[in-house]
Amino acid sequence: MSVGEALAAFDAANPDAGGTASFLGKVRSGDGVKALELSHYGPLTLTGMEALAEQAAARFGLAGLLVWHRVGVMTPGEVIVLVAAAAPHRRAAFDAVDMVMDHLKSAAWFWKRERREDGWHWIEPREQDRVDLARWK
């Protein structure tokens, strides 16, 4: 299923929502990045993502939430993550997507490394990522 098909299906599944917001994250091409690898431990990742989805749905009164997150090796320009939220009002949808992305970026169950000219490098959350995450506590 393509991103467009996923969003169309999500929209069709939430016909009474007043608004839908989405975020599409892709592998960046700057800084000499040749590839990005994301790995995870399935049982921890799935239960953690389900708990995050339940938290977002309850906090923002969502009609629906879609979270796609790829694992494996990806090249610049490829999609990594898709998050969409449907809610009675736009602000709740925007805030839900923002919160879910902040958690996925900084507090999720993925290990990330980039391949550059000189080899593979593990990627840690930046200080700004931690600040963004702290907004939701």
C-alpha atoms as a PDB file:
ATOM      1  CA  MET A   1       0.000   0.000   0.000  1.00  0.00           C
ATOM      2  CA  SER A   2       1.320   3.437  -0.886  1.00  0.00           C
ATOM      3  CA  VAL A   3       1.294   6.480   1.393  1.00  0.00           C
ATOM      4  CA  GLY A   4      -1.526   7.953  -0.697  1.00  0.00           C
ATOM      5  CA  GLU A   5      -3.575   4.769  -0.458  1.00  0.00           C
ATOM      6  CA  ALA A   6      -2.980   4.566   3.295  1.00  0.00           C
ATOM      7  CA  LEU A   7      -4.132   8.156   3.831  1.00  0.00           C
ATOM      8  CA  ALA A   8      -7.180   7.646   1.593  1.00  0.00           C
ATOM      9  CA  ALA A   9      -8.151   4.499   3.525  1.00  0.00           C
ATOM     10  CA  PHE A  10      -7.594   6.291   6.836  1.00  0.00           C
ATOM     11  CA  ASP A  11      -9.774   9.208   5.702  1.00  0.00           C
ATOM     12  CA  ALA A  12     -12.513   6.815   4.550  1.00  0.00           C
ATOM     13  CA  ALA A  13     -12.402   5.016   7.916  1.00  0.00           C
ATOM     14  CA  ASN A  14     -12.962   8.308   9.776  1.00  0.00           C
ATOM     15  CA  PRO A  15     -15.789  10.045   7.863  1.00  0.00           C
ATOM     16  CA  ASP A  16     -17.082  12.015  10.853  1.00  0.00           C
ATOM     17  CA  ALA A  17     -13.752  13.584  11.808  1.00  0.00           C
ATOM     18  CA  GLY A  18     -13.656  17.353  11.503  1.00  0.00           C
ATOM     19  CA  GLY A  19     -10.017  17.268  10.480  1.00  0.00           C
ATOM     20  CA  THR A  20      -7.108  14.999   9.713  1.00  0.00           C
ATOM     21  CA  ALA A  21      -3.449  15.947  10.111  1.00  0.00           C
ATOM     22  CA  SER A  22      -0.476  13.921   8.939  1.00  0.00           C
ATOM     23  CA  PHE A  23       3.311  13.858   8.984  1.00  0.00           C
ATOM     24  CA  LEU A  24       5.548  12.015   6.540  1.00  0.00           C
ATOM     25  CA  GLY A  25       9.182  11.586   7.593  1.00  0.00           C
ATOM     26  CA  LYS A  26      11.863  10.711   5.056  1.00  0.00           C
ATOM     27  CA  VAL A  27      15.574   9.869   5.107  1.00  0.00           C
ATOM     28  CA  ARG A  28      17.531  13.107   4.738  1.00  0.00           C
ATOM     29  CA  SER A  29      20.162  13.397   2.047  1.00  0.00           C
ATOM     30  CA  GLY A  30      22.484  15.923   3.717  1.00  0.00           C
ATOM     31  CA  ASP A  31      25.668  15.420   5.738  1.00  0.00           C
ATOM     32  CA  GLY A  32      26.936  12.698   3.425  1.00  0.00           C
ATOM     33  CA  VAL A  33      24.254  10.211   4.491  1.00  0.00           C
ATOM     34  CA  LYS A  34      24.231   7.209   2.160  1.00  0.00           C
ATOM     35  CA  ALA A  35      21.758   5.075   4.120  1.00  0.00           C
ATOM     36  CA  LEU A  36      19.790   4.902   7.349  1.00  0.00           C
ATOM     37  CA  GLU A  37      19.202   1.686   9.267  1.00  0.00           C
ATOM     38  CA  LEU A  38      16.487   1.273  11.878  1.00  0.00           C
ATOM     39  CA  SER A  39      16.286  -1.854  13.991  1.00  0.00           C
ATOM     40  CA  HIS A  40      13.975  -2.834  16.825  1.00  0.00           C
ATOM     41  CA  TYR A  41      12.871  -5.584  19.187  1.00  0.00           C
ATOM     42  CA  GLY A  42       9.377  -6.517  17.980  1.00  0.00           C
ATOM     43  CA  PRO A  43       7.580  -7.392  21.228  1.00  0.00           C
ATOM     44  CA  LEU A  44       8.767  -4.197  22.915  1.00  0.00           C
ATOM     45  CA  THR A  45       8.186  -2.008  19.860  1.00  0.00           C
ATOM     46  CA  LEU A  46       4.640  -3.180  19.181  1.00  0.00           C
ATOM     47  CA  THR A  47       3.423  -2.932  22.768  1.00  0.00           C
ATOM     48  CA  GLY A  48       5.101   0.450  23.164  1.00  0.00           C
ATOM     49  CA  MET A  49       3.534   1.819  19.988  1.00  0.00           C
ATOM     50  CA  GLU A  50       0.115   0.490  21.003  1.00  0.00           C
ATOM     51  CA  ALA A  51       0.418   2.198  24.397  1.00  0.00           C
ATOM     52  CA  LEU A  52       1.501   5.446  22.713  1.00  0.00           C
ATOM     53  CA  ALA A  53      -1.469   5.264  20.334  1.00  0.00           C
ATOM     54  CA  GLU A  54      -3.888   4.680  23.225  1.00  0.00           C
ATOM     55  CA  GLN A  55      -2.384   7.597  25.148  1.00  0.00           C
ATOM     56  CA  ALA A  56      -2.692   9.949  22.154  1.00  0.00           C
ATOM     57  CA  ALA A  57      -6.252   8.836  21.383  1.00  0.00           C
ATOM     58  CA  ALA A  58      -7.365   9.424  24.973  1.00  0.00           C
ATOM     59  CA  ARG A  59      -5.499  12.697  25.437  1.00  0.00           C
ATOM     60  CA  PHE A  60      -6.765  14.324  22.233  1.00  0.00           C
ATOM     61  CA  GLY A  61     -10.145  12.618  21.783  1.00  0.00           C
ATOM     62  CA  LEU A  62      -9.146  11.129  18.447  1.00  0.00           C
ATOM     63  CA  ALA A  63     -11.499   9.429  16.046  1.00  0.00           C
ATOM     64  CA  GLY A  64      -8.545   7.520  14.592  1.00  0.00           C
ATOM     65  CA  LEU A  65      -4.768   7.282  14.534  1.00  0.00           C
ATOM     66  CA  LEU A  66      -2.442   5.783  11.933  1.00  0.00           C
ATOM     67  CA  VAL A  67       1.224   5.071  12.706  1.00  0.00           C
ATOM     68  CA  TRP A  68       3.524   3.442  10.155  1.00  0.00           C
ATOM     69  CA  HIS A  69       7.199   3.077  10.988  1.00  0.00           C
ATOM     70  CA  ARG A  70       9.620   1.217   8.772  1.00  0.00           C
ATOM     71  CA  VAL A  71      12.622  -0.778   9.913  1.00  0.00           C
ATOM     72  CA  GLY A  72      15.604  -1.958   7.923  1.00  0.00           C
ATOM     73  CA  VAL A  73      17.959  -0.091   5.621  1.00  0.00           C
ATOM     74  CA  MET A  74      16.628   2.916   3.700  1.00  0.00           C
ATOM     75  CA  THR A  75      18.258   5.402   1.346  1.00  0.00           C
ATOM     76  CA  PRO A  76      17.846   9.194   1.148  1.00  0.00           C
ATOM     77  CA  GLY A  77      14.371  10.213   0.046  1.00  0.00           C
ATOM     78  CA  GLU A  78      12.669   7.026   1.228  1.00  0.00           C
ATOM     79  CA  VAL A  79       9.772   7.218   3.677  1.00  0.00           C
ATOM     80  CA  ILE A  80      10.583   6.246   7.274  1.00  0.00           C
ATOM     81  CA  VAL A  81       7.399   7.125   9.124  1.00  0.00           C
ATOM     82  CA  LEU A  82       3.800   8.168   8.507  1.00  0.00           C
ATOM     83  CA  VAL A  83       1.578   9.434  11.320  1.00  0.00           C
ATOM     84  CA  ALA A  84      -1.997  10.622  10.780  1.00  0.00           C
ATOM     85  CA  ALA A  85      -4.631  11.627  13.316  1.00  0.00           C
ATOM     86  CA  ALA A  86      -8.350  12.222  12.780  1.00  0.00           C
ATOM     87  CA  ALA A  87     -10.210  14.308  15.350  1.00  0.00           C
ATOM     88  CA  PRO A  88     -13.340  16.417  15.775  1.00  0.00           C
ATOM     89  CA  HIS A  89     -11.211  19.572  15.470  1.00  0.00           C
ATOM     90  CA  ARG A  90      -7.943  20.374  13.674  1.00  0.00           C
ATOM     91  CA  ARG A  91      -5.917  21.410  16.737  1.00  0.00           C
ATOM     92  CA  ALA A  92      -6.381  18.004  18.385  1.00  0.00           C
ATOM     93  CA  ALA A  93      -5.288  16.266  15.171  1.00  0.00           C
ATOM     94  CA  PHE A  94      -2.183  18.466  14.806  1.00  0.00           C
ATOM     95  CA  ASP A  95      -1.232  18.077  18.470  1.00  0.00           C
ATOM     96  CA  ALA A  96      -1.679  14.306  18.388  1.00  0.00           C
ATOM     97  CA  VAL A  97       0.616  13.953  15.370  1.00  0.00           C
ATOM     98  CA  ASP A  98       3.172  16.240  17.024  1.00  0.00           C
ATOM     99  CA  MET A  99       3.121  14.277  20.290  1.00  0.00           C
ATOM    100  CA  VAL A 100       3.383  10.884  18.590  1.00  0.00           C
ATOM    101  CA  MET A 101       6.311  12.062  16.453  1.00  0.00           C
ATOM    102  CA  ASP A 102       8.142  13.515  19.465  1.00  0.00           C
ATOM    103  CA  HIS A 103       7.824  10.154  21.222  1.00  0.00           C
ATOM    104  CA  LEU A 104       8.871   8.167  18.155  1.00  0.00           C
ATOM    105  CA  LYS A 105      11.887  10.430  17.619  1.00  0.00           C
ATOM    106  CA  SER A 106      13.188  10.449  21.194  1.00  0.00           C
ATOM    107  CA  ALA A 107      11.565   7.829  23.391  1.00  0.00           C
ATOM    108  CA  ALA A 108      10.716   4.999  21.055  1.00  0.00           C
ATOM    109  CA  TRP A 109      11.925   1.465  20.670  1.00  0.00           C
ATOM    110  CA  PHE A 110      14.142   1.888  17.622  1.00  0.00           C
ATOM    111  CA  TRP A 111      17.901   1.924  17.226  1.00  0.00           C
ATOM    112  CA  LYS A 112      19.114   4.169  14.433  1.00  0.00           C
ATOM    113  CA  ARG A 113      22.392   4.475  12.597  1.00  0.00           C
ATOM    114  CA  GLU A 114      23.549   6.265   9.454  1.00  0.00           C
ATOM    115  CA  ARG A 115      26.022   5.112   6.847  1.00  0.00           C
ATOM    116  CA  ARG A 116      28.354   7.852   5.644  1.00  0.00           C
ATOM    117  CA  GLU A 117      31.579   7.798   3.633  1.00  0.00           C
ATOM    118  CA  ASP A 118      33.570   6.688   6.698  1.00  0.00           C
ATOM    119  CA  GLY A 119      31.193   3.931   7.831  1.00  0.00           C
ATOM    120  CA  TRP A 120      28.220   3.453  10.151  1.00  0.00           C
ATOM    121  CA  HIS A 121      27.449   5.852  13.025  1.00  0.00           C
ATOM    122  CA  TRP A 122      24.851   5.399  15.773  1.00  0.00           C
ATOM    123  CA  ILE A 123      22.392   8.288  16.058  1.00  0.00           C
ATOM    124  CA  GLU A 124      21.226   9.565  19.438  1.00  0.00           C
ATOM    125  CA  PRO A 125      18.397  12.042  20.111  1.00  0.00           C
ATOM    126  CA  ARG A 126      19.531  15.670  20.068  1.00  0.00           C
ATOM    127  CA  GLU A 127      18.938  18.033  22.989  1.00  0.00           C
ATOM    128  CA  GLN A 128      16.125  19.722  21.037  1.00  0.00           C
ATOM    129  CA  ASP A 129      14.464  16.318  20.601  1.00  0.00           C
ATOM    130  CA  ARG A 130      14.473  15.896  24.401  1.00  0.00           C
ATOM    131  CA  VAL A 131      13.035  19.409  24.860  1.00  0.00           C
ATOM    132  CA  ASP A 132      10.291  18.642  22.339  1.00  0.00           C
ATOM    133  CA  LEU A 133       9.433  15.406  24.145  1.00  0.00           C
ATOM    134  CA  ALA A 134       9.300  17.116  27.554  1.00  0.00           C
ATOM    135  CA  ARG A 135       6.389  19.303  26.367  1.00  0.00           C
ATOM    136  CA  TRP A 136       4.061  16.306  26.644  1.00  0.00           C
ATOM    137  CA  LYS A 137       4.751  15.342  30.276  1.00  0.00           C
END
